[in-house]
Each structure stands twice: as structure tokens, then as C-alpha cells.
Amino acid sequence: MKHLLRLAFLLALSGLTGCASLYFPPPPHTPMLTHKGKFYGALSTNQHTNYALQGAYGLTNHLAAAGTFSSLHRRKSDRTENIDFAEASLGYFTRLPDKRVLEVYVGGGGGGTERIERDKEQLTTRTLDGSLSKVFAQVNYARKKRDNIHLFNRDFPLTYGAALRMSYMQLNNFRIDGLAAPGESNVFFEPITFTRTQIAGPVQLQFISGQIFGFRNNKYLKAANSVFQVGVVINLDRNTTLDK
């Protein structure tokens, strides 16, 4: 597992220098549900000021519903980017021996994207905008580590895991300076690893790192951004207790 974490960290660093894309990936959701009535909520962000709000709920002891809303609004010296994207999915989850959890999700999403490019004098040189659509399949795996982090005379339990997502993306209604332009499509593979540590009660701190790989050599819809998120997770059941 340590080797996987190192690899994910190196891939994340390599993605920071990628070219601008009209798509910024929201983090794959990793609720790791274990029974009916369990609720998962997460709020995370990263160095790109990309915010993600996620939630999931166990509808039965094996069926779950999940959703994500991701928002990126940032201004740089040469461009402004505005991307809002939402996803919804249904999944199957099961508890395995030795405190392990397996989940499989299928879903889709959509949103809008805009990029305003500027020259050195801060004059607009080009505006690109369009709509985004996605369908995806994802597999999650996690387990609770036997050892804890011992800090300030306290033990902080660890949970770690991985998620593998395959997505088909489309850039629709694409316009450049208000004029219709050909859209693009791509197939993305998004492997990530995550680590959680319990802070207090149902509240956990979560770190996500990974990368996005594109199978098509596009100009606008491409795998140019890594996945790195730090956030807070809340796991509650119907009795508002932490699932052990």
C-alpha cells in the first residue's frame, strides 16, 4: 500500500504542470458504506481552489445512491476558468472479512465549462464555452488499518483504500468566441488512493491523491489535471453514531 501511495503522489505532482483543459475532474466518491441507513458526507478542496461536495446513503444493506457537486472558479494572469459539474450514481456495496469494504457504482453527470483567455495587457483574446456530459463506472476498495496514529496521547484510527473509475466524457454545444465549433469526446481512467483518520466522533480527515489519463489526443477535452483533495468526512447511521 505504501508503494501505491508513493506512485499516486508522484502522478499527482506530474499533473500539476499539465496544459489547461476545459474539464477538471471532481474526486471520485468513496463513501465505503457498510449497511442500510448509513450516510456519508464530504467537503474537500485542493490547491486549484476546486471545491467538491459529496454525499451517499445506504438505501438497503447492499444498494446505495451517491452524488457529487464540484465547482472550480479561478483567475490567473492569462485566463479565467469556470467549471461547475454534478454527478449522480447508484451502487452496490458489501462488507468483506477483516474490516474490508467493496463498492461498485455506475452513474452519469453534466455541467458547464468556460475559459476566458487574456494577453499580457489583460485584454480578452478568446472565449471558449460549452456543456459537459459524462457516464462512468467505478470500483472502490478500503480497509481499516490495524495500527493507529498516536498523537497527543490519543490513538487516531486509520482507514485507507483505492478507487478506479472509467469515464466517457463529451464536450457539447462548444463555442469559440460565440461561434459554433466541433465538440470533442474522451475516455478517462481515474485511479486514486485515499486515507482517512478519525478526528472526533463521526468526523474524519481525508486525503485523496491520484491522476487522470485520457485515451484520446484532444485539444480541449483532455487529461490535464491531477486529483488531489483534502477534506472532512462525516459518517452517520440512522442513530447518528459512527460506524465501527
Protein backbone atom coordinates (compact mmCIF):
# COMPACT_ATOMS: atom_id res chain seq x y z
CA MET A 1 0.00 0.00 0.00
CA LYS A 2 2.88 2.36 0.72
CA HIS A 3 4.15 1.89 -2.85
CA LEU A 4 0.72 2.73 -4.23
CA LEU A 5 0.57 5.92 -2.18
CA ARG A 6 4.03 7.00 -3.39
CA LEU A 7 3.08 6.31 -7.00
CA ALA A 8 -0.16 8.28 -6.66
CA PHE A 9 1.73 11.20 -5.10
CA LEU A 10 4.26 11.30 -7.96
CA LEU A 11 1.49 11.13 -10.53
CA ALA A 12 -0.32 13.97 -8.80
CA LEU A 13 2.79 16.15 -8.91
CA SER A 14 3.29 15.43 -12.60
CA GLY A 15 -0.27 16.55 -13.30
CA LEU A 16 0.24 20.00 -11.77
CA THR A 17 2.18 21.16 -14.81
CA GLY A 18 -0.32 19.95 -17.43
CA CYS A 19 -1.86 22.16 -20.10
CA ALA A 20 -5.23 23.75 -19.47
CA SER A 21 -8.27 21.61 -20.16
CA LEU A 22 -11.95 22.52 -20.32
CA TYR A 23 -12.60 19.69 -17.85
CA PHE A 24 -11.46 19.49 -14.24
CA PRO A 25 -12.18 16.12 -12.61
CA PRO A 26 -14.17 16.03 -9.38
CA PRO A 27 -12.73 13.47 -6.94
CA PRO A 28 -14.28 10.00 -7.28
CA HIS A 29 -16.64 9.46 -4.35
CA THR A 30 -15.56 6.86 -1.78
CA PRO A 31 -18.35 6.53 0.80
CA MET A 32 -17.45 2.93 1.79
CA LEU A 33 -20.91 2.19 3.16
CA THR A 34 -21.49 -0.90 5.28
CA HIS A 35 -25.24 -1.12 5.96
CA LYS A 36 -28.68 0.30 5.31
CA GLY A 37 -29.30 3.79 6.65
CA LYS A 38 -25.67 4.85 6.73
CA PHE A 39 -24.95 8.38 5.47
CA TYR A 40 -21.66 9.68 4.07
CA GLY A 41 -20.91 13.37 3.55
CA ALA A 42 -17.67 15.01 2.44
CA LEU A 43 -16.42 18.52 1.71
CA SER A 44 -12.99 18.84 0.12
CA THR A 45 -10.75 21.26 -1.76
CA ASN A 46 -7.31 21.42 -3.36
CA GLN A 47 -4.55 23.77 -4.47
CA HIS A 48 -6.60 24.78 -7.55
CA THR A 49 -9.45 26.10 -5.36
CA ASN A 50 -11.63 23.32 -6.73
CA TYR A 51 -14.36 22.51 -4.19
CA ALA A 52 -16.31 19.25 -4.06
CA LEU A 53 -19.40 18.43 -2.02
CA GLN A 54 -20.31 14.73 -1.89
CA GLY A 55 -22.93 12.57 -0.26
CA ALA A 56 -24.09 8.94 -0.26
CA TYR A 57 -26.77 6.92 1.51
CA GLY A 58 -27.33 3.21 2.04
CA LEU A 59 -30.83 2.53 0.65
CA THR A 60 -30.63 -1.15 1.61
CA ASN A 61 -27.90 -3.35 3.07
CA HIS A 62 -26.30 -3.52 -0.39
CA LEU A 63 -27.76 -0.72 -2.55
CA ALA A 64 -26.59 2.89 -2.34
CA ALA A 65 -27.19 6.26 -4.00
CA ALA A 66 -24.43 8.86 -4.28
CA GLY A 67 -23.99 12.38 -5.62
CA THR A 68 -21.20 14.92 -6.17
CA PHE A 69 -21.14 18.63 -6.95
CA SER A 70 -17.80 20.13 -7.99
CA SER A 71 -17.01 23.79 -8.63
CA LEU A 72 -13.89 25.48 -9.98
CA HIS A 73 -13.73 29.27 -10.38
CA ARG A 74 -10.22 30.67 -10.62
CA ARG A 75 -8.49 33.60 -12.25
CA LYS A 76 -4.90 33.50 -13.46
CA SER A 77 -2.82 36.11 -15.22
CA ASP A 78 -3.56 34.63 -18.64
CA ARG A 79 -7.03 33.11 -18.18
CA THR A 80 -10.16 32.71 -16.10
CA GLU A 81 -11.76 29.27 -15.70
CA ASN A 82 -15.30 28.49 -14.58
CA ILE A 83 -16.38 24.85 -14.34
CA ASP A 84 -19.41 23.51 -12.46
CA PHE A 85 -20.19 19.80 -12.61
CA ALA A 86 -22.66 17.45 -10.90
CA GLU A 87 -22.81 13.64 -10.77
CA ALA A 88 -25.30 11.04 -9.54
CA SER A 89 -24.89 7.28 -9.28
CA LEU A 90 -26.26 4.03 -7.92
CA GLY A 91 -24.02 1.41 -6.40
CA TYR A 92 -23.66 -1.98 -4.79
CA PHE A 93 -21.65 -2.34 -1.59
CA THR A 94 -20.72 -5.28 0.59
CA ARG A 95 -18.72 -5.87 3.71
CA LEU A 96 -15.78 -8.30 3.44
CA PRO A 97 -13.87 -10.11 6.22
CA ASP A 98 -11.13 -8.32 8.14
CA LYS A 99 -12.85 -4.87 8.09
CA ARG A 100 -12.77 -4.53 4.32
CA VAL A 101 -15.43 -2.91 2.10
CA LEU A 102 -16.08 -3.26 -1.65
CA GLU A 103 -18.27 -0.91 -3.70
CA VAL A 104 -19.27 -0.75 -7.39
CA TYR A 105 -21.01 2.35 -8.82
CA VAL A 106 -22.41 3.37 -12.20
CA GLY A 107 -23.64 6.86 -12.94
CA GLY A 108 -23.53 10.00 -15.01
CA GLY A 109 -23.26 13.74 -14.77
CA GLY A 110 -23.20 17.05 -16.53
CA GLY A 111 -22.26 20.68 -16.21
CA GLY A 112 -20.88 23.77 -17.87
CA THR A 113 -17.39 24.98 -18.70
CA GLU A 114 -15.95 28.35 -19.68
CA ARG A 115 -12.45 29.67 -20.27
CA ILE A 116 -11.59 33.31 -20.95
CA GLU A 117 -8.06 33.83 -22.27
CA ARG A 118 -6.15 37.13 -21.95
CA ASP A 119 -2.95 38.67 -23.25
CA LYS A 120 -0.21 40.43 -21.27
CA GLU A 121 -2.25 43.64 -21.26
CA GLN A 122 -5.15 41.69 -19.69
CA LEU A 123 -7.29 42.09 -22.79
CA THR A 124 -9.55 39.18 -23.70
CA THR A 125 -8.18 37.29 -26.71
CA ARG A 126 -10.53 34.30 -26.82
CA THR A 127 -13.57 32.89 -25.04
CA LEU A 128 -14.42 29.19 -25.02
CA ASP A 129 -17.56 27.68 -23.50
CA GLY A 130 -19.72 24.60 -23.72
CA SER A 131 -21.55 21.89 -21.79
CA LEU A 132 -20.08 18.69 -20.38
CA SER A 133 -21.67 15.26 -20.04
CA LYS A 134 -20.32 12.03 -18.55
CA VAL A 135 -21.14 8.39 -17.87
CA PHE A 136 -18.88 6.35 -15.61
CA ALA A 137 -18.26 3.09 -13.77
CA GLN A 138 -16.25 2.92 -10.57
CA VAL A 139 -14.92 0.31 -8.14
CA ASN A 140 -13.90 1.19 -4.54
CA TYR A 141 -11.96 -0.91 -2.05
CA ALA A 142 -10.98 0.01 1.51
CA ARG A 143 -9.94 -1.49 4.81
CA LYS A 144 -9.30 -0.22 8.33
CA LYS A 145 -5.63 -0.35 9.24
CA ARG A 146 -4.70 -2.39 12.30
CA ASP A 147 -2.35 0.30 13.60
CA ASN A 148 -3.39 3.80 14.61
CA ILE A 149 -1.64 7.16 14.55
CA HIS A 150 -0.65 8.06 18.11
CA LEU A 151 -0.57 11.83 18.71
CA PHE A 152 -1.14 13.96 21.81
CA ASN A 153 -1.68 10.83 23.91
CA ARG A 154 -4.51 9.73 21.63
CA ASP A 155 -4.96 7.00 19.02
CA PHE A 156 -6.40 8.08 15.67
CA PRO A 157 -7.80 5.10 13.68
CA LEU A 158 -6.80 4.89 10.02
CA THR A 159 -8.78 3.77 7.01
CA TYR A 160 -7.18 3.55 3.59
CA GLY A 161 -8.26 2.39 0.15
CA ALA A 162 -8.37 2.95 -3.58
CA ALA A 163 -10.89 3.76 -6.30
CA LEU A 164 -10.73 3.01 -10.02
CA ARG A 165 -13.02 4.98 -12.32
CA MET A 166 -13.55 4.76 -16.08
CA SER A 167 -15.46 7.66 -17.66
CA TYR A 168 -16.74 8.62 -21.10
CA MET A 169 -16.84 12.42 -21.44
CA GLN A 170 -18.32 14.69 -24.08
CA LEU A 171 -17.90 18.41 -24.76
CA ASN A 172 -21.17 19.57 -26.31
CA ASN A 173 -22.57 22.88 -27.58
CA PHE A 174 -18.99 24.07 -27.92
CA ARG A 175 -18.41 27.68 -28.93
CA ILE A 176 -15.29 29.74 -29.54
CA ASP A 177 -15.91 33.49 -29.36
CA GLY A 178 -19.62 32.81 -29.71
CA LEU A 179 -19.26 30.72 -32.88
CA ALA A 180 -20.15 27.03 -33.01
CA ALA A 181 -17.13 24.70 -33.01
CA PRO A 182 -16.76 20.90 -33.24
CA GLY A 183 -17.21 19.17 -29.91
CA GLU A 184 -14.87 16.56 -28.51
CA SER A 185 -15.14 13.31 -26.56
CA ASN A 186 -12.66 11.34 -24.49
CA VAL A 187 -12.32 8.25 -22.33
CA PHE A 188 -10.70 8.89 -18.95
CA PHE A 189 -9.20 6.45 -16.48
CA GLU A 190 -9.01 7.87 -12.94
CA PRO A 191 -7.17 5.81 -10.30
CA ILE A 192 -6.97 7.37 -6.82
CA THR A 193 -5.93 6.38 -3.32
CA PHE A 194 -7.35 7.81 -0.11
CA THR A 195 -6.51 7.82 3.58
CA ARG A 196 -8.82 8.79 6.44
CA THR A 197 -8.18 9.30 10.09
CA GLN A 198 -10.85 9.77 12.73
CA ILE A 199 -10.69 13.17 14.43
CA ALA A 200 -13.65 13.09 16.81
CA GLY A 201 -16.92 11.19 16.80
CA PRO A 202 -18.21 10.79 13.25
CA VAL A 203 -15.76 13.37 11.80
CA GLN A 204 -12.75 12.20 9.78
CA LEU A 205 -9.94 13.94 7.90
CA GLN A 206 -9.43 12.64 4.36
CA PHE A 207 -6.58 12.87 1.83
CA ILE A 208 -7.13 11.88 -1.82
CA SER A 209 -4.41 11.68 -4.45
CA GLY A 210 -4.40 10.31 -7.97
CA GLN A 211 -4.25 11.06 -11.66
CA ILE A 212 -6.43 11.19 -14.75
CA PHE A 213 -5.38 9.52 -18.00
CA GLY A 214 -7.01 10.31 -21.35
CA PHE A 215 -7.20 7.81 -24.21
CA ARG A 216 -7.66 10.43 -26.95
CA ASN A 217 -5.33 13.22 -28.00
CA ASN A 218 -7.72 16.15 -27.85
CA LYS A 219 -7.09 19.88 -27.91
CA TYR A 220 -9.70 20.99 -25.36
CA LEU A 221 -11.12 17.93 -23.58
CA LYS A 222 -8.02 16.21 -22.24
CA ALA A 223 -6.46 14.74 -19.12
CA ALA A 224 -4.51 17.75 -17.95
CA ASN A 225 -5.30 17.92 -14.25
CA SER A 226 -4.38 15.63 -11.37
CA VAL A 227 -6.66 14.67 -8.50
CA PHE A 228 -5.54 15.88 -5.07
CA GLN A 229 -8.04 16.76 -2.38
CA VAL A 230 -8.01 17.42 1.35
CA GLY A 231 -11.31 17.39 3.15
CA VAL A 232 -13.58 16.47 6.01
CA VAL A 233 -15.77 13.36 6.03
CA ILE A 234 -18.80 12.60 8.21
CA ASN A 235 -20.15 9.04 8.54
CA LEU A 236 -23.51 8.67 10.31
CA ASP A 237 -26.11 5.95 10.58
CA ARG A 238 -29.77 6.37 11.45
CA ASN A 239 -28.82 6.63 15.12
CA THR A 240 -26.14 9.29 14.31
CA THR A 241 -23.36 7.04 15.54
CA LEU A 242 -20.04 6.31 13.98
CA ASP A 243 -19.92 3.01 12.13
CA LYS A 244 -17.24 0.79 13.60
